[in-house]
Amino acid sequence: MSSVISAYKDPVENHHMKKIIEKIVTGFFVIILGTLWYCSTKYHVKPNHYSIVIYDIFGKQVEIDEIRTDFKTQKVAQSYISEYQKRFPHYDFSMAIEIPQIKRNLILRKFNQR
């Protein structure tokens, strides 16, 4: 009897190699997606100050003494805008949002200075 040399590897060895490659690929994607998630949520800045801006019929910005214009939440500011539109039909009201400045990492500052 002559022994035949096969061009294919042992299926058990292929199975172990396949598991190792699957673990490496899964780990790679977990690290990439985790990094992307961390970077995207890190710079999410929520506004902390809402103001109402008042315009007259000519489109010029005016101030009315009887009106509260500074708010901490968007819902309350929107509610006041709808109430003011009913009370003062000759004026237009819009909301201005003040967003705090984003603090960047030390590494990003060094790259931006170049």
Protein backbone atom coordinates (compact mmCIF):
# COMPACT_ATOMS: atom_id res chain seq x y z
CA MET A 1 0.00 0.00 0.00
CA SER A 2 1.16 3.38 -0.85
CA SER A 3 0.29 6.36 1.23
CA VAL A 4 -1.42 9.26 -0.46
CA ILE A 5 -0.34 12.76 0.50
CA SER A 6 -3.31 15.08 0.63
CA ALA A 7 -3.14 18.71 -0.40
CA TYR A 8 -5.68 19.57 2.28
CA LYS A 9 -4.83 20.12 5.91
CA ASP A 10 -6.39 18.24 8.74
CA PRO A 11 -9.93 19.59 9.36
CA VAL A 12 -9.28 19.77 13.10
CA GLU A 13 -6.33 22.14 12.57
CA ASN A 14 -8.44 24.32 10.22
CA HIS A 15 -11.23 24.48 12.81
CA HIS A 16 -8.89 25.81 15.52
CA MET A 17 -7.40 28.37 13.17
CA LYS A 18 -10.86 29.47 12.11
CA LYS A 19 -11.88 30.07 15.75
CA ILE A 20 -8.75 32.13 16.39
CA ILE A 21 -9.36 34.30 13.31
CA GLU A 22 -13.02 34.81 14.31
CA LYS A 23 -11.93 35.95 17.79
CA ILE A 24 -9.40 38.38 16.33
CA VAL A 25 -11.93 39.88 13.89
CA THR A 26 -14.58 40.17 16.64
CA GLY A 27 -12.08 41.83 19.00
CA PHE A 28 -11.03 44.25 16.28
CA PHE A 29 -14.61 45.36 15.61
CA VAL A 30 -15.40 45.64 19.34
CA ILE A 31 -12.39 47.92 19.83
CA ILE A 32 -13.21 50.06 16.75
CA LEU A 33 -16.90 50.43 17.64
CA GLY A 34 -16.07 51.14 21.29
CA THR A 35 -13.61 53.84 20.26
CA LEU A 36 -16.11 55.42 17.87
CA TRP A 37 -18.81 55.37 20.56
CA TYR A 38 -16.48 56.96 23.11
CA CYS A 39 -15.41 59.71 20.70
CA SER A 40 -18.96 60.49 19.60
CA THR A 41 -20.44 60.75 23.11
CA LYS A 42 -17.51 62.63 24.59
CA TYR A 43 -18.24 65.90 22.82
CA HIS A 44 -22.03 65.88 23.18
CA VAL A 45 -22.77 69.25 24.75
CA LYS A 46 -26.21 70.09 26.03
CA PRO A 47 -27.22 73.77 25.99
CA ASN A 48 -27.79 75.18 29.45
CA HIS A 49 -29.31 78.56 28.61
CA TYR A 50 -32.24 79.47 26.36
CA SER A 51 -33.31 83.02 25.52
CA ILE A 52 -36.33 84.49 23.78
CA VAL A 53 -35.57 87.06 21.08
CA ILE A 54 -38.35 89.50 20.17
CA TYR A 55 -38.81 91.15 16.76
CA ASP A 56 -41.26 93.91 15.84
CA ILE A 57 -43.29 94.04 12.62
CA PHE A 58 -40.34 95.64 10.79
CA GLY A 59 -38.00 92.79 11.74
CA LYS A 60 -35.94 94.78 14.24
CA GLN A 61 -34.96 93.21 17.53
CA VAL A 62 -36.71 94.87 20.49
CA GLU A 63 -37.03 94.36 24.24
CA ILE A 64 -40.29 94.44 26.18
CA ASP A 65 -40.08 95.00 29.93
CA GLU A 66 -43.01 92.73 30.84
CA ILE A 67 -41.51 89.64 29.21
CA ARG A 68 -39.25 87.03 30.77
CA THR A 69 -36.53 86.11 28.28
CA ASP A 70 -34.06 83.78 30.08
CA PHE A 71 -34.80 80.09 30.71
CA LYS A 72 -32.96 76.93 31.71
CA THR A 73 -34.98 74.39 29.69
CA GLN A 74 -36.19 74.37 26.10
CA LYS A 75 -39.70 73.18 26.99
CA VAL A 76 -40.33 76.13 29.29
CA ALA A 77 -38.96 78.62 26.76
CA GLN A 78 -41.15 77.14 24.01
CA SER A 79 -44.18 77.33 26.30
CA TYR A 80 -43.53 81.00 27.06
CA ILE A 81 -43.07 81.74 23.33
CA SER A 82 -46.49 80.28 22.51
CA GLU A 83 -48.07 82.27 25.36
CA TYR A 84 -46.36 85.51 24.30
CA GLN A 85 -47.50 85.03 20.69
CA LYS A 86 -51.09 85.00 21.92
CA ARG A 87 -50.63 88.06 24.17
CA PHE A 88 -48.54 90.12 21.75
CA PRO A 89 -49.72 89.32 18.18
CA HIS A 90 -47.75 92.21 16.60
CA TYR A 91 -44.38 90.74 17.63
CA ASP A 92 -42.47 87.68 16.48
CA PHE A 93 -40.69 85.50 19.04
CA SER A 94 -37.83 83.08 18.48
CA MET A 95 -35.50 81.09 20.69
CA ALA A 96 -31.76 81.62 20.95
CA ILE A 97 -29.62 78.84 22.37
CA GLU A 98 -26.34 79.46 24.15
CA ILE A 99 -24.02 76.45 23.93
CA PRO A 100 -21.04 76.27 26.29
CA GLN A 101 -17.57 75.99 24.78
CA ILE A 102 -16.29 72.44 24.26
CA LYS A 103 -13.15 71.55 26.19
CA ARG A 104 -10.84 69.53 23.98
CA ASN A 105 -8.23 66.99 24.97
CA LEU A 106 -4.63 68.06 25.38
CA ILE A 107 -3.65 65.85 22.42
CA LEU A 108 -6.16 67.55 20.10
CA ARG A 109 -4.93 71.00 21.15
CA LYS A 110 -1.35 70.10 20.22
CA PHE A 111 -2.41 68.89 16.75
CA ASN A 112 -4.50 72.02 16.10
CA GLN A 113 -1.64 74.38 17.02
CA ARG A 114 0.57 73.11 14.19
